[in-house]
Amino acid sequence: MEDGQFQHSPVLPEEVLSLLAPRPGGIYLDGTVGGGGHSRLILEASDPDGRLIGLDRDPEALKKAAEVLAPFGARAVLRHSNFSEATEVLKALEIDAVDGILFDLGVSSHQLDAGSRGFSFRSEAPLDMRMDQTRGVTAAEVLAGSSAEELARIFFEYGEERYGRRIAKRIVQVRSETPILTTLQLADLVRDAIPGGNVPSRIHPATRVFQALRIHVNEELDHVALGVTRALDLLRPGGHLAVISFHSLEDRIVKRIFREESKGCICPPRLPICTCGHQPRVELLTRKGIRASAAEVEVNPRSRSAVLRGVRRC
């Protein structure tokens, strides 16, 4: 794929439509519109008058989505915004509640394939990693300004990197002589810092470090927790929320929130009768996460790690 192009093959398309159950006249929110693949399916399923609000923090994604969704005219409204800011967007549009919400979390295919964005170690590029290049700090700035202890925490907490301390110490050592500014520079540093890093392997030794930096730079897990929680407030009774996660840290947050919000009584187990009066806010639509079929993975390898969960607002 050439740099700057979008691949917008939606992950788990049939499963997403089954969970969201879009219908004519409904209002839907795609909080991570990307290249517009899922949004197009939702608009087609809600023909002739269903409406969709599409958000993305990446301006490049919005440009592509605008092209893909142009045939739907005013039925599709796009905004440059993080999905965790959906409340403010809907308020500005004077929309009180929606019938369905979709979050397709993590980094997009385009962001990975666009070498200039710095998400991948497959090509030389500035260490940026921001999903929204109009704000925030870059990965290079994080590497330059963080202590060894903070870097080790980032690598372990967000990448589950067992050699995080060793890599962090090496970064501090190298940056005292030369700034770490590019993807291949960091990838080579990680490879040299860990035991067996130069031994050929199916998984690149810098994979977890790049994931951790990306999550930290974009505050992804904070946005997941905030965005999913706030999304429940935006659903009208009977409305559906579907979330696609691509790694265990995201899925753990989504699973926890869905489980907690689907509970009734939250009294301590030692109490003989319920005194809290707590009522569940949602009904679980997926007891276990839905995964892509072997056929889909063969066509779209990035669907391999996708996990789809859904709830219905009570």
C-alpha atoms as a PDB file:
ATOM      1  CA  MET A   1       0.000   0.000   0.000  1.00  0.00           C
ATOM      2  CA  GLU A   2       1.333   3.431  -0.886  1.00  0.00           C
ATOM      3  CA  ASP A   3       1.888   5.956   1.871  1.00  0.00           C
ATOM      4  CA  GLY A   4      -1.200   8.074   2.452  1.00  0.00           C
ATOM      5  CA  GLN A   5      -3.731   5.622   1.006  1.00  0.00           C
ATOM      6  CA  PHE A   6      -6.505   4.092   3.080  1.00  0.00           C
ATOM      7  CA  GLN A   7      -7.492   0.477   3.314  1.00  0.00           C
ATOM      8  CA  HIS A   8     -11.009   0.596   4.701  1.00  0.00           C
ATOM      9  CA  SER A   9     -12.033  -3.051   4.887  1.00  0.00           C
ATOM     10  CA  PRO A  10     -14.105  -3.098   8.061  1.00  0.00           C
ATOM     11  CA  VAL A  11     -13.333  -5.781  10.635  1.00  0.00           C
ATOM     12  CA  LEU A  12     -16.151  -8.167  11.646  1.00  0.00           C
ATOM     13  CA  PRO A  13     -18.660  -6.369   9.383  1.00  0.00           C
ATOM     14  CA  GLU A  14     -21.554  -8.843   9.631  1.00  0.00           C
ATOM     15  CA  GLU A  15     -21.100  -9.264  13.368  1.00  0.00           C
ATOM     16  CA  VAL A  16     -21.065  -5.489  13.950  1.00  0.00           C
ATOM     17  CA  LEU A  17     -24.278  -5.023  11.967  1.00  0.00           C
ATOM     18  CA  SER A  18     -25.909  -7.884  13.869  1.00  0.00           C
ATOM     19  CA  LEU A  19     -25.048  -6.251  17.214  1.00  0.00           C
ATOM     20  CA  LEU A  20     -25.985  -2.695  16.243  1.00  0.00           C
ATOM     21  CA  ALA A  21     -29.141  -3.720  14.339  1.00  0.00           C
ATOM     22  CA  PRO A  22     -29.353  -0.415  12.402  1.00  0.00           C
ATOM     23  CA  ARG A  23     -32.802   0.502  11.111  1.00  0.00           C
ATOM     24  CA  PRO A  24     -34.406   3.243   9.024  1.00  0.00           C
ATOM     25  CA  GLY A  25     -34.890   6.447  10.978  1.00  0.00           C
ATOM     26  CA  GLY A  26     -32.235   5.593  13.567  1.00  0.00           C
ATOM     27  CA  ILE A  27     -29.335   7.790  14.618  1.00  0.00           C
ATOM     28  CA  TYR A  28     -25.929   6.147  14.939  1.00  0.00           C
ATOM     29  CA  LEU A  29     -22.492   7.221  16.102  1.00  0.00           C
ATOM     30  CA  ASP A  30     -19.267   5.812  14.697  1.00  0.00           C
ATOM     31  CA  GLY A  31     -16.710   7.111  17.177  1.00  0.00           C
ATOM     32  CA  THR A  32     -13.722   5.865  15.162  1.00  0.00           C
ATOM     33  CA  VAL A  33     -14.832   6.370  11.571  1.00  0.00           C
ATOM     34  CA  GLY A  34     -11.420   5.657  10.023  1.00  0.00           C
ATOM     35  CA  GLY A  35     -11.812   5.139   6.277  1.00  0.00           C
ATOM     36  CA  GLY A  36     -15.607   4.927   6.587  1.00  0.00           C
ATOM     37  CA  GLY A  37     -16.019   1.166   6.076  1.00  0.00           C
ATOM     38  CA  HIS A  38     -18.276   0.429   9.050  1.00  0.00           C
ATOM     39  CA  SER A  39     -20.112   3.746   8.633  1.00  0.00           C
ATOM     40  CA  ARG A  40     -20.993   2.916   5.032  1.00  0.00           C
ATOM     41  CA  LEU A  41     -22.485  -0.415   6.112  1.00  0.00           C
ATOM     42  CA  ILE A  42     -24.507   1.243   8.885  1.00  0.00           C
ATOM     43  CA  LEU A  43     -25.884   3.863   6.491  1.00  0.00           C
ATOM     44  CA  GLU A  44     -26.785   1.215   3.928  1.00  0.00           C
ATOM     45  CA  ALA A  45     -28.565  -0.862   6.573  1.00  0.00           C
ATOM     46  CA  SER A  46     -30.509   2.174   7.860  1.00  0.00           C
ATOM     47  CA  ASP A  47     -31.602   3.331   4.396  1.00  0.00           C
ATOM     48  CA  PRO A  48     -33.421   5.525   3.479  1.00  0.00           C
ATOM     49  CA  ASP A  49     -33.318   7.985   6.369  1.00  0.00           C
ATOM     50  CA  GLY A  50     -30.988   6.666   9.054  1.00  0.00           C
ATOM     51  CA  ARG A  51     -28.360   9.181  10.136  1.00  0.00           C
ATOM     52  CA  LEU A  52     -24.731   8.712  11.159  1.00  0.00           C
ATOM     53  CA  ILE A  53     -22.320  10.943  13.045  1.00  0.00           C
ATOM     54  CA  GLY A  54     -18.726   9.935  12.378  1.00  0.00           C
ATOM     55  CA  LEU A  55     -15.840  11.033  14.590  1.00  0.00           C
ATOM     56  CA  ASP A  56     -12.100  10.594  14.233  1.00  0.00           C
ATOM     57  CA  ARG A  57      -9.088  12.243  15.811  1.00  0.00           C
ATOM     58  CA  ASP A  58      -7.109  11.787  12.583  1.00  0.00           C
ATOM     59  CA  PRO A  59      -7.817  14.510   9.969  1.00  0.00           C
ATOM     60  CA  GLU A  60      -6.496  12.249   7.199  1.00  0.00           C
ATOM     61  CA  ALA A  61      -9.055   9.606   8.139  1.00  0.00           C
ATOM     62  CA  LEU A  62     -11.869  12.138   7.963  1.00  0.00           C
ATOM     63  CA  LYS A  63     -10.848  13.168   4.438  1.00  0.00           C
ATOM     64  CA  LYS A  64     -11.098   9.583   3.240  1.00  0.00           C
ATOM     65  CA  ALA A  65     -14.339   8.968   5.129  1.00  0.00           C
ATOM     66  CA  ALA A  66     -15.844  12.065   3.499  1.00  0.00           C
ATOM     67  CA  GLU A  67     -15.124  10.549   0.069  1.00  0.00           C
ATOM     68  CA  VAL A  68     -16.522   7.119   0.966  1.00  0.00           C
ATOM     69  CA  LEU A  69     -19.674   8.531   2.586  1.00  0.00           C
ATOM     70  CA  ALA A  70     -20.324  11.309   0.052  1.00  0.00           C
ATOM     71  CA  PRO A  71     -23.100   9.305  -1.709  1.00  0.00           C
ATOM     72  CA  PHE A  72     -25.154   9.443   1.508  1.00  0.00           C
ATOM     73  CA  GLY A  73     -25.243  13.240   1.496  1.00  0.00           C
ATOM     74  CA  ALA A  74     -26.593  14.916   4.628  1.00  0.00           C
ATOM     75  CA  ARG A  75     -27.286  11.544   6.275  1.00  0.00           C
ATOM     76  CA  ALA A  76     -23.586  11.430   7.227  1.00  0.00           C
ATOM     77  CA  VAL A  77     -22.045  14.127   9.427  1.00  0.00           C
ATOM     78  CA  LEU A  78     -18.310  14.017  10.176  1.00  0.00           C
ATOM     79  CA  ARG A  79     -16.435  15.788  12.959  1.00  0.00           C
ATOM     80  CA  HIS A  80     -12.766  16.013  13.960  1.00  0.00           C
ATOM     81  CA  SER A  81     -12.965  14.726  17.522  1.00  0.00           C
ATOM     82  CA  ASN A  82     -11.894  11.916  19.823  1.00  0.00           C
ATOM     83  CA  PHE A  83     -14.624   9.361  20.531  1.00  0.00           C
ATOM     84  CA  SER A  84     -14.353  10.192  24.244  1.00  0.00           C
ATOM     85  CA  GLU A  85     -15.627  13.693  23.334  1.00  0.00           C
ATOM     86  CA  ALA A  86     -18.799  12.395  21.695  1.00  0.00           C
ATOM     87  CA  THR A  87     -21.011  14.006  24.346  1.00  0.00           C
ATOM     88  CA  GLU A  88     -19.847  17.481  23.354  1.00  0.00           C
ATOM     89  CA  VAL A  89     -20.198  16.741  19.640  1.00  0.00           C
ATOM     90  CA  LEU A  90     -23.764  15.477  19.965  1.00  0.00           C
ATOM     91  CA  LYS A  91     -24.713  18.413  22.161  1.00  0.00           C
ATOM     92  CA  ALA A  92     -23.443  20.840  19.512  1.00  0.00           C
ATOM     93  CA  LEU A  93     -25.534  18.967  16.928  1.00  0.00           C
ATOM     94  CA  GLU A  94     -28.553  19.165  19.266  1.00  0.00           C
ATOM     95  CA  ILE A  95     -28.839  15.370  19.455  1.00  0.00           C
ATOM     96  CA  ASP A  96     -29.955  14.118  22.870  1.00  0.00           C
ATOM     97  CA  ALA A  97     -29.490  10.371  22.334  1.00  0.00           C
ATOM     98  CA  VAL A  98     -28.609   7.840  19.661  1.00  0.00           C
ATOM     99  CA  ASP A  99     -29.777   4.339  18.753  1.00  0.00           C
ATOM    100  CA  GLY A 100     -26.365   2.766  18.315  1.00  0.00           C
ATOM    101  CA  ILE A 101     -22.666   3.457  18.863  1.00  0.00           C
ATOM    102  CA  LEU A 102     -19.595   1.747  17.432  1.00  0.00           C
ATOM    103  CA  PHE A 103     -16.007   2.091  18.654  1.00  0.00           C
ATOM    104  CA  ASP A 104     -13.296   0.394  16.570  1.00  0.00           C
ATOM    105  CA  LEU A 105     -10.328   0.910  18.874  1.00  0.00           C
ATOM    106  CA  GLY A 106      -6.596   1.076  18.358  1.00  0.00           C
ATOM    107  CA  VAL A 107      -4.451   2.147  15.452  1.00  0.00           C
ATOM    108  CA  SER A 108      -5.927   2.047  11.955  1.00  0.00           C
ATOM    109  CA  SER A 109      -4.525   0.159   8.990  1.00  0.00           C
ATOM    110  CA  HIS A 110      -3.750   3.470   7.336  1.00  0.00           C
ATOM    111  CA  GLN A 111      -1.799   4.769  10.315  1.00  0.00           C
ATOM    112  CA  LEU A 112       0.287   1.606  10.386  1.00  0.00           C
ATOM    113  CA  ASP A 113       0.858   1.576   6.637  1.00  0.00           C
ATOM    114  CA  ALA A 114       1.599   5.293   6.306  1.00  0.00           C
ATOM    115  CA  GLY A 115       5.340   5.198   6.956  1.00  0.00           C
ATOM    116  CA  SER A 116       5.542   8.920   7.613  1.00  0.00           C
ATOM    117  CA  ARG A 117       3.390   8.644  10.759  1.00  0.00           C
ATOM    118  CA  GLY A 118       6.030   6.748  12.764  1.00  0.00           C
ATOM    119  CA  PHE A 119       3.772   3.927  14.001  1.00  0.00           C
ATOM    120  CA  SER A 120       5.780   1.161  12.378  1.00  0.00           C
ATOM    121  CA  PHE A 121       9.406   0.041  12.390  1.00  0.00           C
ATOM    122  CA  ARG A 122       9.079  -1.303   8.837  1.00  0.00           C
ATOM    123  CA  SER A 123      10.282   1.986   7.315  1.00  0.00           C
ATOM    124  CA  GLU A 124      12.348   4.981   8.378  1.00  0.00           C
ATOM    125  CA  ALA A 125      10.220   7.874   9.655  1.00  0.00           C
ATOM    126  CA  PRO A 126      10.138  10.503  12.395  1.00  0.00           C
ATOM    127  CA  LEU A 127       9.020   9.094  15.764  1.00  0.00           C
ATOM    128  CA  ASP A 128       5.659  10.840  15.858  1.00  0.00           C
ATOM    129  CA  MET A 129       2.936   8.232  16.622  1.00  0.00           C
ATOM    130  CA  ARG A 130       0.216  10.810  17.248  1.00  0.00           C
ATOM    131  CA  MET A 131      -3.179   9.799  15.874  1.00  0.00           C
ATOM    132  CA  ASP A 132      -4.045  13.503  15.855  1.00  0.00           C
ATOM    133  CA  GLN A 133      -1.014  15.364  14.572  1.00  0.00           C
ATOM    134  CA  THR A 134      -2.584  18.708  15.422  1.00  0.00           C
ATOM    135  CA  ARG A 135      -1.931  18.327  19.143  1.00  0.00           C
ATOM    136  CA  GLY A 136      -0.036  16.429  21.828  1.00  0.00           C
ATOM    137  CA  VAL A 137       3.557  15.306  22.268  1.00  0.00           C
ATOM    138  CA  THR A 138       5.395  12.989  19.897  1.00  0.00           C
ATOM    139  CA  ALA A 139       7.021   9.678  20.746  1.00  0.00           C
ATOM    140  CA  ALA A 140      10.414  11.302  20.181  1.00  0.00           C
ATOM    141  CA  GLU A 141       9.582  13.915  22.816  1.00  0.00           C
ATOM    142  CA  VAL A 142       8.555  11.190  25.252  1.00  0.00           C
ATOM    143  CA  LEU A 143      11.867   9.388  24.735  1.00  0.00           C
ATOM    144  CA  ALA A 144      13.806  12.634  25.153  1.00  0.00           C
ATOM    145  CA  GLY A 145      12.072  13.909  28.271  1.00  0.00           C
ATOM    146  CA  SER A 146      11.166  10.870  30.383  1.00  0.00           C
ATOM    147  CA  SER A 147      13.294   9.325  33.111  1.00  0.00           C
ATOM    148  CA  ALA A 148      14.478   5.737  32.863  1.00  0.00           C
ATOM    149  CA  GLU A 149      11.940   4.801  35.550  1.00  0.00           C
ATOM    150  CA  GLU A 150       9.061   6.393  33.644  1.00  0.00           C
ATOM    151  CA  LEU A 151      10.070   4.782  30.351  1.00  0.00           C
ATOM    152  CA  ALA A 152      10.317   1.382  32.021  1.00  0.00           C
ATOM    153  CA  ARG A 153       6.826   1.868  33.466  1.00  0.00           C
ATOM    154  CA  ILE A 154       5.423   2.777  30.028  1.00  0.00           C
ATOM    155  CA  PHE A 155       7.012  -0.251  28.375  1.00  0.00           C
ATOM    156  CA  PHE A 156       5.807  -2.664  31.042  1.00  0.00           C
ATOM    157  CA  GLU A 157       2.336  -1.217  31.678  1.00  0.00           C
ATOM    158  CA  TYR A 158       1.331  -0.631  28.064  1.00  0.00           C
ATOM    159  CA  GLY A 159       3.489  -3.167  26.242  1.00  0.00           C
ATOM    160  CA  GLU A 160       4.046  -5.868  28.873  1.00  0.00           C
ATOM    161  CA  GLU A 161       7.700  -5.726  27.857  1.00  0.00           C
ATOM    162  CA  ARG A 162       9.753  -7.932  30.194  1.00  0.00           C
ATOM    163  CA  TYR A 163      12.996  -6.133  29.318  1.00  0.00           C
ATOM    164  CA  GLY A 164      11.530  -2.667  29.856  1.00  0.00           C
ATOM    165  CA  ARG A 165      14.111  -1.567  32.421  1.00  0.00           C
ATOM    166  CA  ARG A 166      17.016  -2.701  30.268  1.00  0.00           C
ATOM    167  CA  ILE A 167      15.607  -0.905  27.204  1.00  0.00           C
ATOM    168  CA  ALA A 168      14.883   2.259  29.203  1.00  0.00           C
ATOM    169  CA  LYS A 169      18.441   2.395  30.557  1.00  0.00           C
ATOM    170  CA  ARG A 170      19.808   1.965  27.048  1.00  0.00           C
ATOM    171  CA  ILE A 171      17.603   4.799  25.742  1.00  0.00           C
ATOM    172  CA  VAL A 172      18.861   7.159  28.443  1.00  0.00           C
ATOM    173  CA  GLN A 173      22.436   6.153  27.678  1.00  0.00           C
ATOM    174  CA  VAL A 174      22.082   6.671  23.913  1.00  0.00           C
ATOM    175  CA  ARG A 175      20.175   9.956  24.086  1.00  0.00           C
ATOM    176  CA  SER A 176      22.971  11.508  26.153  1.00  0.00           C
ATOM    177  CA  GLU A 177      25.096  11.269  23.014  1.00  0.00           C
ATOM    178  CA  THR A 178      22.553  11.571  20.195  1.00  0.00           C
ATOM    179  CA  PRO A 179      18.793  12.258  20.071  1.00  0.00           C
ATOM    180  CA  ILE A 180      16.506   9.312  19.238  1.00  0.00           C
ATOM    181  CA  LEU A 181      14.335  10.697  16.463  1.00  0.00           C
ATOM    182  CA  THR A 182      13.434   7.957  13.981  1.00  0.00           C
ATOM    183  CA  THR A 183      11.624   4.621  13.921  1.00  0.00           C
ATOM    184  CA  LEU A 184      14.540   2.524  12.708  1.00  0.00           C
ATOM    185  CA  GLN A 185      16.869   4.200  15.195  1.00  0.00           C
ATOM    186  CA  LEU A 186      14.612   3.103  18.052  1.00  0.00           C
ATOM    187  CA  ALA A 187      14.008  -0.366  16.568  1.00  0.00           C
ATOM    188  CA  ASP A 188      17.746  -0.996  16.258  1.00  0.00           C
ATOM    189  CA  LEU A 189      18.326   0.259  19.805  1.00  0.00           C
ATOM    190  CA  VAL A 190      15.740  -2.152  21.209  1.00  0.00           C
ATOM    191  CA  ARG A 191      17.098  -5.040  19.195  1.00  0.00           C
ATOM    192  CA  ASP A 192      20.600  -4.440  20.561  1.00  0.00           C
ATOM    193  CA  ALA A 193      19.393  -3.902  24.140  1.00  0.00           C
ATOM    194  CA  ILE A 194      17.620  -7.189  24.799  1.00  0.00           C
ATOM    195  CA  PRO A 195      19.000 -10.731  25.012  1.00  0.00           C
ATOM    196  CA  GLY A 196      18.701 -12.503  21.678  1.00  0.00           C
ATOM    197  CA  GLY A 197      17.411  -9.379  19.997  1.00  0.00           C
ATOM    198  CA  ASN A 198      19.436 -10.008  16.872  1.00  0.00           C
ATOM    199  CA  VAL A 199      18.237 -13.600  16.497  1.00  0.00           C
ATOM    200  CA  PRO A 200      15.664 -13.832  13.656  1.00  0.00           C
ATOM    201  CA  SER A 201      12.135 -14.134  15.056  1.00  0.00           C
ATOM    202  CA  ARG A 202       8.556 -14.048  13.801  1.00  0.00           C
ATOM    203  CA  ILE A 203       7.839 -11.086  16.089  1.00  0.00           C
ATOM    204  CA  HIS A 204      10.128  -8.069  15.877  1.00  0.00           C
ATOM    205  CA  PRO A 205      11.788  -7.393  19.274  1.00  0.00           C
ATOM    206  CA  ALA A 206      10.615  -3.759  19.193  1.00  0.00           C
ATOM    207  CA  THR A 207       6.924  -4.629  18.714  1.00  0.00           C
ATOM    208  CA  ARG A 208       5.914  -4.195  22.371  1.00  0.00           C
ATOM    209  CA  VAL A 209       7.935  -1.001  22.807  1.00  0.00           C
ATOM    210  CA  PHE A 210       6.273   0.602  19.771  1.00  0.00           C
ATOM    211  CA  GLN A 211       2.836  -0.466  21.035  1.00  0.00           C
ATOM    212  CA  ALA A 212       3.547   0.959  24.484  1.00  0.00           C
ATOM    213  CA  LEU A 213       4.775   4.287  23.141  1.00  0.00           C
ATOM    214  CA  ARG A 214       1.772   4.613  20.840  1.00  0.00           C
ATOM    215  CA  ILE A 215      -0.681   3.915  23.649  1.00  0.00           C
ATOM    216  CA  HIS A 216       1.091   6.393  25.929  1.00  0.00           C
ATOM    217  CA  VAL A 217       1.381   9.160  23.332  1.00  0.00           C
ATOM    218  CA  ASN A 218      -2.321   8.926  22.455  1.00  0.00           C
ATOM    219  CA  GLU A 219      -3.555   8.224  26.011  1.00  0.00           C
ATOM    220  CA  GLU A 220      -5.506   5.388  24.454  1.00  0.00           C
ATOM    221  CA  LEU A 221      -6.525   3.463  27.561  1.00  0.00           C
ATOM    222  CA  ASP A 222      -7.758   6.605  29.326  1.00  0.00           C
ATOM    223  CA  HIS A 223      -9.895   7.444  26.300  1.00  0.00           C
ATOM    224  CA  VAL A 224     -11.254   3.887  26.148  1.00  0.00           C
ATOM    225  CA  ALA A 225     -12.399   3.959  29.776  1.00  0.00           C
ATOM    226  CA  LEU A 226     -13.880   7.450  29.487  1.00  0.00           C
ATOM    227  CA  GLY A 227     -15.366   6.954  26.034  1.00  0.00           C
ATOM    228  CA  VAL A 228     -17.108   3.648  26.771  1.00  0.00           C
ATOM    229  CA  THR A 229     -18.525   4.914  30.069  1.00  0.00           C
ATOM    230  CA  ARG A 230     -19.823   8.136  28.521  1.00  0.00           C
ATOM    231  CA  ALA A 231     -21.226   6.279  25.520  1.00  0.00           C
ATOM    232  CA  LEU A 232     -23.706   4.484  27.761  1.00  0.00           C
ATOM    233  CA  ASP A 233     -25.178   7.859  28.721  1.00  0.00           C
ATOM    234  CA  LEU A 234     -25.675   8.722  25.049  1.00  0.00           C
ATOM    235  CA  LEU A 235     -27.750   5.642  24.222  1.00  0.00           C
ATOM    236  CA  ARG A 236     -31.506   5.835  24.299  1.00  0.00           C
ATOM    237  CA  PRO A 237     -33.253   2.892  26.054  1.00  0.00           C
ATOM    238  CA  GLY A 238     -32.840  -0.154  23.839  1.00  0.00           C
ATOM    239  CA  GLY A 239     -29.844   1.369  22.071  1.00  0.00           C
ATOM    240  CA  HIS A 240     -26.780  -0.770  21.363  1.00  0.00           C
ATOM    241  CA  LEU A 241     -23.063  -0.156  21.943  1.00  0.00           C
ATOM    242  CA  ALA A 242     -20.512  -2.298  20.066  1.00  0.00           C
ATOM    243  CA  VAL A 243     -16.760  -2.105  20.762  1.00  0.00           C
ATOM    244  CA  ILE A 244     -13.945  -3.761  18.809  1.00  0.00           C
ATOM    245  CA  SER A 245     -10.652  -4.138  20.707  1.00  0.00           C
ATOM    246  CA  PHE A 246      -7.339  -5.251  19.275  1.00  0.00           C
ATOM    247  CA  HIS A 247      -5.258  -6.044  22.343  1.00  0.00           C
ATOM    248  CA  SER A 248      -5.878  -7.376  25.810  1.00  0.00           C
ATOM    249  CA  LEU A 249      -5.405  -4.045  27.614  1.00  0.00           C
ATOM    250  CA  GLU A 250      -8.281  -2.441  25.695  1.00  0.00           C
ATOM    251  CA  ASP A 251     -10.497  -5.502  25.893  1.00  0.00           C
ATOM    252  CA  ARG A 252      -9.938  -5.811  29.641  1.00  0.00           C
ATOM    253  CA  ILE A 253     -11.276  -2.277  30.175  1.00  0.00           C
ATOM    254  CA  VAL A 254     -14.302  -2.815  27.939  1.00  0.00           C
ATOM    255  CA  LYS A 255     -15.115  -6.175  29.537  1.00  0.00           C
ATOM    256  CA  ARG A 256     -14.857  -4.705  33.060  1.00  0.00           C
ATOM    257  CA  ILE A 257     -17.140  -1.746  32.309  1.00  0.00           C
ATOM    258  CA  PHE A 258     -19.726  -3.904  30.575  1.00  0.00           C
ATOM    259  CA  ARG A 259     -19.694  -6.416  33.436  1.00  0.00           C
ATOM    260  CA  GLU A 260     -20.035  -3.732  36.130  1.00  0.00           C
ATOM    261  CA  GLU A 261     -22.788  -1.860  34.290  1.00  0.00           C
ATOM    262  CA  SER A 262     -24.782  -5.070  33.750  1.00  0.00           C
ATOM    263  CA  LYS A 263     -24.880  -5.901  37.461  1.00  0.00           C
ATOM    264  CA  GLY A 264     -27.943  -5.484  39.614  1.00  0.00           C
ATOM    265  CA  CYS A 265     -27.245  -5.549  43.346  1.00  0.00           C
ATOM    266  CA  ILE A 266     -23.803  -4.284  44.336  1.00  0.00           C
ATOM    267  CA  CYS A 267     -24.209  -4.749  48.097  1.00  0.00           C
ATOM    268  CA  PRO A 268     -21.384  -6.447  50.031  1.00  0.00           C
ATOM    269  CA  PRO A 269     -21.852 -10.257  49.940  1.00  0.00           C
ATOM    270  CA  ARG A 270     -22.220 -10.401  53.725  1.00  0.00           C
ATOM    271  CA  LEU A 271     -25.539  -8.487  53.698  1.00  0.00           C
ATOM    272  CA  PRO A 272     -28.537 -10.883  53.887  1.00  0.00           C
ATOM    273  CA  ILE A 273     -30.791  -8.631  51.750  1.00  0.00           C
ATOM    274  CA  CYS A 274     -30.196  -5.989  49.122  1.00  0.00           C
ATOM    275  CA  THR A 275     -30.171  -2.417  50.424  1.00  0.00           C
ATOM    276  CA  CYS A 276     -28.506  -0.640  47.483  1.00  0.00           C
ATOM    277  CA  GLY A 277     -31.396  -0.755  45.039  1.00  0.00           C
ATOM    278  CA  HIS A 278     -28.900  -0.677  42.201  1.00  0.00           C
ATOM    279  CA  GLN A 279     -30.315  -1.530  38.791  1.00  0.00           C
ATOM    280  CA  PRO A 280     -28.308  -2.693  35.768  1.00  0.00           C
ATOM    281  CA  ARG A 281     -27.788  -0.045  33.093  1.00  0.00           C
ATOM    282  CA  VAL A 282     -27.120  -2.497  30.284  1.00  0.00           C
ATOM    283  CA  GLU A 283     -27.803  -6.038  29.154  1.00  0.00           C
ATOM    284  CA  LEU A 284     -24.858  -8.017  27.818  1.00  0.00           C
ATOM    285  CA  LEU A 285     -25.275  -9.003  24.163  1.00  0.00           C
ATOM    286  CA  THR A 286     -21.997 -10.944  24.091  1.00  0.00           C
ATOM    287  CA  ARG A 287     -21.160 -13.267  26.971  1.00  0.00           C
ATOM    288  CA  LYS A 288     -17.845 -13.949  25.289  1.00  0.00           C
ATOM    289  CA  GLY A 289     -15.997 -11.726  22.871  1.00  0.00           C
ATOM    290  CA  ILE A 290     -16.756 -12.378  19.193  1.00  0.00           C
ATOM    291  CA  ARG A 291     -13.713 -13.114  17.030  1.00  0.00           C
ATOM    292  CA  ALA A 292     -13.164 -13.111  13.292  1.00  0.00           C
ATOM    293  CA  SER A 293     -13.681 -16.323  11.368  1.00  0.00           C
ATOM    294  CA  ALA A 294     -10.774 -18.122   9.762  1.00  0.00           C
ATOM    295  CA  ALA A 295     -12.085 -17.007   6.370  1.00  0.00           C
ATOM    296  CA  GLU A 296     -12.026 -13.329   7.385  1.00  0.00           C
ATOM    297  CA  VAL A 297      -8.553 -13.608   8.919  1.00  0.00           C
ATOM    298  CA  GLU A 298      -7.278 -15.082   5.679  1.00  0.00           C
ATOM    299  CA  VAL A 299      -8.587 -12.091   3.725  1.00  0.00           C
ATOM    300  CA  ASN A 300      -7.835  -9.461   6.380  1.00  0.00           C
ATOM    301  CA  PRO A 301      -4.971 -10.628   8.655  1.00  0.00           C
ATOM    302  CA  ARG A 302      -5.393  -7.671  11.021  1.00  0.00           C
ATOM    303  CA  SER A 303      -8.763  -9.054  12.089  1.00  0.00           C
ATOM    304  CA  ARG A 304      -6.922 -11.909  13.812  1.00  0.00           C
ATOM    305  CA  SER A 305      -6.625 -10.051  17.143  1.00  0.00           C
ATOM    306  CA  ALA A 306     -10.021  -8.309  17.001  1.00  0.00           C
ATOM    307  CA  VAL A 307     -12.521  -8.935  19.823  1.00  0.00           C
ATOM    308  CA  LEU A 308     -16.077  -7.575  19.538  1.00  0.00           C
ATOM    309  CA  ARG A 309     -18.317  -6.983  22.558  1.00  0.00           C
ATOM    310  CA  GLY A 310     -21.765  -5.426  22.765  1.00  0.00           C
ATOM    311  CA  VAL A 311     -24.446  -4.288  25.211  1.00  0.00           C
ATOM    312  CA  ARG A 312     -28.021  -3.026  25.064  1.00  0.00           C
ATOM    313  CA  ARG A 313     -29.039  -0.023  27.179  1.00  0.00           C
ATOM    314  CA  CYS A 314     -31.777  -0.906  29.649  1.00  0.00           C
END
